[in-house]
Amino acid sequence: MPELDLRIGTFRYDTTQALFDGTAEIPGVSNVEMATGATLPEVFRLLLDGEVDIAEFGMTFYLRALERVADVIALPVFPNRVFRHSCVFVNRDSGISGPADLVGKTIGEFGVYGQDSGVWAKGILMDEYGFRPEENRWVIGGLDQPAPPFDFVPQVWPDGIDISAAPEGRALGPMLDSGELDALFTANVPQSVLDGSPHVTRLFPDFETRERDYYRRTGIFPMMHTVVVRRELLTRHPWLARAVYEGFLAAKEAGARRYRQGRRLYEAPFMVPWLNALYEENAELMTEDWWPYGVAANRAALDTLLRYHHEQGLTARRWTIEEIFTHDLLET
């Protein structure tokens, strides 16, 4: 293996911290320069702007990019996963008390129609509650501050769905709080909720119970993001795909190990009361490797995401797992 300098962009998570502090390494790489951003869109832009060779990237953004540009390929690494029953917020005066009440409502979506959180939430609502996005009006924009729809990914607005940008000078969170929006699908919690607004609540206030039931029935822990590599880099260094995968895997395992070791101290190293009880509850529900990388352990979740993405009109065809990940790692 030749000596190689590598630039990697990702957010700081438990799953990636060891790459930042150097306790996890990319085998065969002499120097790794880690980069991050204050927000996840800033991290995604690192690759698009040519500042890094490898980067964390939203799964649905990646799938849309594949239809236009084929210069990157994904590794089966998923540094960001979130259950998404919790990501739908409603105005208390909207008349929405359950999924059936969403019909005919005006709904905001943060940043882009069909971002990762929205694709998962819509798909679950479609599968389990008969939700149909075409029965709604959709407004796309900034969450707490006015902003146009994201410009770093293709804006795909499927035919037959009423979609528009938020009015100039308006943000989705305040629009939900005022009742201009009936509901909001968002990757981030609106500031009005963090501030305790009496006007906004979740579609599923009991989201944890529902998400645990969902996992129990499906085995799916939704992935939001993957890691993508420039194809030309892998052409020059074919061994690199597995090396980067092993490095991210080692970093994720280092994060998991901290929680496993923390059990002996009732998770006292972490500033979360009763975290030990939460860990024990999760251990009863999920496997020892509750945050798996690789294709095999994630096949059901990936197949579901690819189906959702196509059903929601975000790609012209349904992609397959074999097409979206580098062939060197399909057996992981």
Protein backbone atom coordinates (compact mmCIF):
# COMPACT_ATOMS: atom_id res chain seq x y z
CA MET A 1 0.00 0.00 0.00
CA PRO A 2 1.43 3.42 -0.91
CA GLU A 3 1.64 6.24 1.58
CA LEU A 4 -1.39 8.49 1.26
CA ASP A 5 -2.75 11.71 2.73
CA LEU A 6 -6.52 11.75 3.10
CA ARG A 7 -9.11 14.42 3.86
CA ILE A 8 -12.33 13.25 5.51
CA GLY A 9 -15.39 15.33 6.40
CA THR A 10 -17.95 14.24 8.96
CA PHE A 11 -19.86 15.55 11.94
CA ARG A 12 -18.56 14.80 15.43
CA TYR A 13 -20.61 11.91 16.83
CA ASP A 14 -19.93 9.06 19.23
CA THR A 15 -19.50 7.08 16.00
CA THR A 16 -16.74 9.32 14.62
CA GLN A 17 -15.01 10.96 17.59
CA ALA A 18 -12.18 8.41 17.61
CA LEU A 19 -11.23 9.47 14.08
CA PHE A 20 -10.95 13.07 15.26
CA ASP A 21 -8.86 12.27 18.33
CA GLY A 22 -6.68 9.75 16.49
CA THR A 23 -7.54 6.68 18.55
CA ALA A 24 -9.03 5.10 15.43
CA GLU A 25 -6.96 5.04 12.25
CA ILE A 26 -7.47 4.40 8.55
CA PRO A 27 -5.16 1.43 7.84
CA GLY A 28 -2.44 2.26 5.33
CA VAL A 29 -3.04 6.00 5.41
CA SER A 30 -0.12 8.03 6.69
CA ASN A 31 -1.99 11.23 7.40
CA VAL A 32 -5.72 11.78 7.91
CA GLU A 33 -7.02 15.34 8.06
CA MET A 34 -10.46 15.46 9.65
CA ALA A 35 -12.89 18.28 8.86
CA THR A 36 -16.34 19.11 10.15
CA GLY A 37 -18.91 21.90 10.12
CA ALA A 38 -21.25 23.68 12.48
CA THR A 39 -24.24 22.11 10.71
CA LEU A 40 -24.75 18.95 8.70
CA PRO A 41 -25.35 20.81 5.40
CA GLU A 42 -21.95 22.42 5.94
CA VAL A 43 -20.43 18.94 6.28
CA PHE A 44 -22.12 17.77 3.06
CA ARG A 45 -20.77 20.82 1.23
CA LEU A 46 -17.18 19.87 2.10
CA LEU A 47 -17.23 17.17 -0.57
CA LEU A 48 -19.18 19.20 -3.10
CA ASP A 49 -16.79 22.13 -2.71
CA GLY A 50 -13.72 19.90 -3.16
CA GLU A 51 -12.40 20.41 0.37
CA VAL A 52 -12.35 16.68 1.23
CA ASP A 53 -11.98 13.34 -0.57
CA ILE A 54 -14.45 11.41 1.59
CA ALA A 55 -17.49 12.72 3.41
CA GLU A 56 -20.60 11.94 5.34
CA PHE A 57 -23.59 12.58 3.09
CA GLY A 58 -27.36 12.32 3.42
CA MET A 59 -28.66 9.03 1.99
CA THR A 60 -31.47 10.62 -0.01
CA PHE A 61 -29.20 13.40 -1.27
CA TYR A 62 -26.74 10.74 -2.43
CA LEU A 63 -29.44 8.77 -4.25
CA ARG A 64 -30.61 11.84 -6.14
CA ALA A 65 -27.03 12.76 -7.01
CA LEU A 66 -26.46 9.31 -8.52
CA GLU A 67 -28.99 10.05 -11.23
CA ARG A 68 -27.02 13.14 -12.32
CA VAL A 69 -23.38 12.63 -11.36
CA ALA A 70 -21.66 9.29 -10.90
CA ASP A 71 -18.36 10.53 -9.51
CA VAL A 72 -18.92 9.25 -5.95
CA ILE A 73 -19.79 5.86 -4.46
CA ALA A 74 -20.96 4.99 -0.95
CA LEU A 75 -19.47 2.76 1.73
CA PRO A 76 -21.91 0.84 3.99
CA VAL A 77 -21.10 3.16 6.90
CA PHE A 78 -23.97 4.93 8.69
CA PRO A 79 -22.70 7.47 11.25
CA ASN A 80 -26.13 9.08 11.78
CA ARG A 81 -29.28 7.08 12.56
CA VAL A 82 -32.52 8.36 14.10
CA PHE A 83 -35.97 6.86 14.59
CA ARG A 84 -38.36 9.28 12.89
CA HIS A 85 -41.81 8.99 14.44
CA SER A 86 -40.59 11.91 16.56
CA CYS A 87 -39.84 14.28 13.67
CA VAL A 88 -43.40 15.33 12.75
CA PHE A 89 -44.72 18.38 14.60
CA VAL A 90 -48.24 19.84 14.44
CA ASN A 91 -49.97 23.05 15.43
CA ARG A 92 -52.38 22.35 18.30
CA ASP A 93 -55.16 24.32 16.59
CA SER A 94 -54.82 22.47 13.27
CA GLY A 95 -57.30 19.75 14.15
CA ILE A 96 -54.61 17.09 13.81
CA SER A 97 -54.77 14.47 16.54
CA GLY A 98 -53.47 11.53 14.50
CA PRO A 99 -52.11 10.58 11.07
CA ALA A 100 -55.58 10.41 9.46
CA ASP A 101 -56.06 14.11 10.20
CA LEU A 102 -53.11 15.12 7.99
CA VAL A 103 -55.26 14.86 4.84
CA GLY A 104 -55.61 18.22 3.10
CA LYS A 105 -53.25 20.03 5.47
CA THR A 106 -50.40 22.42 4.71
CA ILE A 107 -47.12 20.86 5.78
CA GLY A 108 -43.63 22.31 5.95
CA GLU A 109 -40.45 20.36 5.28
CA PHE A 110 -37.04 21.64 6.28
CA GLY A 111 -34.57 22.36 3.48
CA VAL A 112 -35.73 20.11 0.68
CA TYR A 113 -38.74 18.05 -0.26
CA GLY A 114 -37.64 14.54 0.63
CA GLN A 115 -34.67 14.94 2.95
CA ASP A 116 -33.64 11.88 4.94
CA SER A 117 -35.90 12.45 7.93
CA GLY A 118 -38.85 13.34 5.71
CA VAL A 119 -38.47 10.31 3.44
CA TRP A 120 -38.43 7.96 6.42
CA ALA A 121 -41.33 9.69 8.18
CA LYS A 122 -43.49 9.83 5.06
CA GLY A 123 -42.68 6.23 4.20
CA ILE A 124 -43.59 4.93 7.65
CA LEU A 125 -46.82 6.94 7.64
CA MET A 126 -47.63 5.60 4.17
CA ASP A 127 -46.97 1.98 5.14
CA GLU A 128 -48.69 2.01 8.49
CA TYR A 129 -51.35 4.74 8.37
CA GLY A 130 -52.30 5.16 4.69
CA PHE A 131 -50.72 8.62 4.42
CA ARG A 132 -50.50 10.07 0.90
CA PRO A 133 -48.19 13.09 0.35
CA GLU A 134 -50.14 14.14 -2.76
CA GLU A 135 -53.10 14.96 -0.54
CA ASN A 136 -51.18 17.81 1.09
CA ARG A 137 -49.69 21.19 0.29
CA TRP A 138 -45.94 21.30 1.01
CA VAL A 139 -43.81 24.32 1.88
CA ILE A 140 -39.98 24.09 1.81
CA GLY A 141 -37.62 26.46 3.59
CA GLY A 142 -35.41 27.27 6.54
CA LEU A 143 -36.35 25.93 9.95
CA ASP A 144 -35.90 28.80 12.42
CA GLN A 145 -34.40 31.40 10.11
CA PRO A 146 -35.61 32.32 6.61
CA ALA A 147 -33.66 30.44 3.95
CA PRO A 148 -34.29 29.22 0.42
CA PRO A 149 -34.46 25.48 -0.27
CA PHE A 150 -31.04 23.83 -0.16
CA ASP A 151 -29.01 24.62 -3.27
CA PHE A 152 -26.36 21.92 -2.94
CA VAL A 153 -28.63 19.03 -4.00
CA PRO A 154 -31.16 18.73 -6.82
CA GLN A 155 -34.58 20.00 -5.79
CA VAL A 156 -36.89 17.22 -6.97
CA TRP A 157 -40.54 18.24 -6.80
CA PRO A 158 -42.54 15.22 -8.03
CA ASP A 159 -45.41 15.75 -10.43
CA GLY A 160 -48.84 15.76 -8.86
CA ILE A 161 -47.73 17.21 -5.52
CA ASP A 162 -48.31 20.84 -4.53
CA ILE A 163 -44.88 22.09 -3.41
CA SER A 164 -43.67 25.67 -3.01
CA ALA A 165 -40.88 27.58 -1.30
CA ALA A 166 -41.64 29.41 1.94
CA PRO A 167 -42.57 33.08 1.50
CA GLU A 168 -39.59 35.43 1.46
CA GLY A 169 -38.57 36.37 4.98
CA ARG A 170 -40.50 33.50 6.61
CA ALA A 171 -39.18 30.38 8.36
CA LEU A 172 -41.04 27.12 8.89
CA GLY A 173 -40.78 26.92 12.68
CA PRO A 174 -42.43 30.31 13.29
CA MET A 175 -45.00 29.52 10.59
CA LEU A 176 -45.97 26.35 12.44
CA ASP A 177 -46.12 28.21 15.74
CA SER A 178 -48.44 30.87 14.26
CA GLY A 179 -50.70 28.36 12.52
CA GLU A 180 -49.65 29.27 8.97
CA LEU A 181 -48.52 25.65 8.73
CA ASP A 182 -50.56 22.78 10.10
CA ALA A 183 -47.63 20.40 10.42
CA LEU A 184 -43.88 20.21 9.92
CA PHE A 185 -41.50 17.38 8.95
CA THR A 186 -38.01 18.25 10.12
CA ALA A 187 -34.64 16.70 10.89
CA ASN A 188 -34.08 19.22 13.71
CA VAL A 189 -36.36 20.21 16.57
CA PRO A 190 -37.86 23.68 15.98
CA GLN A 191 -36.76 26.42 18.36
CA SER A 192 -40.39 27.04 19.32
CA VAL A 193 -40.55 23.50 20.73
CA LEU A 194 -37.26 23.94 22.56
CA ASP A 195 -38.68 27.16 24.02
CA GLY A 196 -41.81 25.34 25.22
CA SER A 197 -44.35 26.89 22.85
CA PRO A 198 -47.92 25.98 23.86
CA HIS A 199 -48.95 26.02 20.19
CA VAL A 200 -46.84 23.11 18.92
CA THR A 201 -46.76 19.43 19.79
CA ARG A 202 -45.62 16.22 18.12
CA LEU A 203 -47.90 14.16 15.91
CA PHE A 204 -46.90 11.25 18.15
CA PRO A 205 -46.34 12.53 21.71
CA ASP A 206 -45.68 8.89 22.66
CA PHE A 207 -43.04 8.60 19.93
CA GLU A 208 -40.62 6.47 21.96
CA THR A 209 -43.24 3.76 22.53
CA ARG A 210 -44.12 3.77 18.85
CA GLU A 211 -40.51 3.75 17.72
CA ARG A 212 -39.66 0.83 19.98
CA ASP A 213 -42.67 -1.07 18.66
CA TYR A 214 -41.61 -0.26 15.11
CA TYR A 215 -38.13 -1.64 15.74
CA ARG A 216 -39.51 -4.71 17.47
CA ARG A 217 -41.71 -5.49 14.46
CA THR A 218 -39.34 -4.56 11.63
CA GLY A 219 -35.79 -4.69 12.98
CA ILE A 220 -35.20 -1.36 11.23
CA PHE A 221 -33.13 1.41 12.84
CA PRO A 222 -33.35 4.09 10.12
CA MET A 223 -30.07 5.40 8.76
CA MET A 224 -29.98 9.05 7.75
CA HIS A 225 -26.47 9.34 6.34
CA THR A 226 -23.78 7.27 4.68
CA VAL A 227 -20.13 7.94 3.76
CA VAL A 228 -19.21 8.59 0.12
CA VAL A 229 -15.84 8.47 -1.63
CA ARG A 230 -14.71 9.94 -4.91
CA ARG A 231 -14.62 7.13 -7.48
CA GLU A 232 -11.38 8.32 -9.02
CA LEU A 233 -9.71 7.98 -5.63
CA LEU A 234 -10.77 4.32 -5.39
CA THR A 235 -9.64 3.75 -8.97
CA ARG A 236 -6.15 4.92 -8.02
CA HIS A 237 -6.19 3.11 -4.65
CA PRO A 238 -8.52 0.06 -4.82
CA TRP A 239 -7.60 -1.02 -1.27
CA LEU A 240 -8.85 2.25 0.18
CA ALA A 241 -12.56 1.39 0.33
CA ARG A 242 -11.99 -1.38 2.86
CA ALA A 243 -9.43 0.66 4.78
CA VAL A 244 -11.82 3.59 5.22
CA TYR A 245 -14.64 1.21 6.14
CA GLU A 246 -12.43 -0.42 8.79
CA GLY A 247 -11.43 2.98 10.16
CA PHE A 248 -15.03 4.15 10.54
CA LEU A 249 -15.97 0.77 12.02
CA ALA A 250 -13.18 1.04 14.59
CA ALA A 251 -14.34 4.56 15.51
CA LYS A 252 -17.93 3.40 15.95
CA GLU A 253 -16.81 0.47 18.10
CA ALA A 254 -14.75 2.83 20.27
CA GLY A 255 -17.89 4.87 20.92
CA ALA A 256 -19.97 1.80 21.74
CA ARG A 257 -17.26 0.50 24.04
CA ARG A 258 -17.48 3.64 26.19
CA TYR A 259 -21.14 2.87 26.93
CA ARG A 260 -20.48 -0.82 27.57
CA GLN A 261 -17.68 0.02 30.00
CA GLY A 262 -19.82 2.73 31.59
CA ARG A 263 -22.34 0.14 32.80
CA ARG A 264 -20.00 -0.74 35.67
CA LEU A 265 -20.23 2.90 36.87
CA TYR A 266 -23.96 3.30 36.20
CA GLU A 267 -22.96 5.38 33.15
CA ALA A 268 -21.66 8.07 35.53
CA PRO A 269 -19.09 9.35 32.95
CA PHE A 270 -22.03 10.79 30.98
CA MET A 271 -24.19 13.74 32.09
CA VAL A 272 -27.53 11.98 31.55
CA PRO A 273 -29.42 10.82 34.66
CA TRP A 274 -30.79 7.26 34.40
CA LEU A 275 -28.72 6.60 31.30
CA ASN A 276 -27.85 3.24 32.84
CA ALA A 277 -31.54 2.30 32.90
CA LEU A 278 -31.94 3.39 29.27
CA TYR A 279 -28.93 1.32 28.27
CA GLU A 280 -30.36 -1.75 29.98
CA GLU A 281 -33.75 -1.24 28.33
CA ASN A 282 -32.15 -0.88 24.92
CA ALA A 283 -30.00 -3.96 25.48
CA GLU A 284 -33.15 -6.04 25.96
CA LEU A 285 -34.59 -4.82 22.66
CA MET A 286 -31.58 -4.47 20.37
CA THR A 287 -28.60 -6.65 19.55
CA GLU A 288 -25.16 -6.25 21.09
CA ASP A 289 -24.21 -4.34 17.94
CA TRP A 290 -27.13 -1.94 18.06
CA TRP A 291 -25.59 0.40 15.45
CA PRO A 292 -24.40 -1.96 12.71
CA TYR A 293 -22.32 -1.11 9.66
CA GLY A 294 -22.05 -3.28 6.56
CA VAL A 295 -24.65 -4.50 4.07
CA ALA A 296 -25.85 -7.74 5.65
CA ALA A 297 -27.07 -6.32 8.96
CA ASN A 298 -28.72 -3.36 7.23
CA ARG A 299 -30.33 -5.01 4.21
CA ALA A 300 -33.93 -4.66 5.43
CA ALA A 301 -33.47 -0.98 6.31
CA LEU A 302 -31.70 -0.21 3.04
CA ASP A 303 -34.29 -2.02 0.91
CA THR A 304 -37.02 -0.08 2.72
CA LEU A 305 -35.30 3.27 2.18
CA LEU A 306 -34.74 2.57 -1.52
CA ARG A 307 -38.40 1.67 -1.89
CA TYR A 308 -39.54 4.80 -0.06
CA HIS A 309 -37.28 7.01 -2.14
CA HIS A 310 -38.72 5.72 -5.40
CA GLU A 311 -42.34 5.57 -4.19
CA GLN A 312 -42.11 9.23 -3.21
CA GLY A 313 -41.04 10.23 -6.72
CA LEU A 314 -37.53 11.32 -5.80
CA THR A 315 -35.76 9.07 -8.32
CA ALA A 316 -36.86 7.84 -11.72
CA ARG A 317 -36.30 4.21 -10.75
CA ARG A 318 -35.73 2.12 -7.69
CA TRP A 319 -32.03 1.73 -6.99
CA THR A 320 -30.63 -1.54 -5.65
CA ILE A 321 -28.18 -2.07 -2.82
CA GLU A 322 -25.67 -3.52 -5.28
CA GLU A 323 -25.73 -0.29 -7.30
CA ILE A 324 -25.25 2.22 -4.51
CA PHE A 325 -22.32 0.69 -2.58
CA THR A 326 -18.82 -0.11 -3.77
CA HIS A 327 -18.62 -3.75 -4.85
CA ASP A 328 -15.58 -4.28 -2.61
CA LEU A 329 -17.82 -4.09 0.46
CA LEU A 330 -21.04 -5.80 -0.62
CA GLU A 331 -20.12 -8.88 1.42
CA THR A 332 -19.74 -6.98 4.68
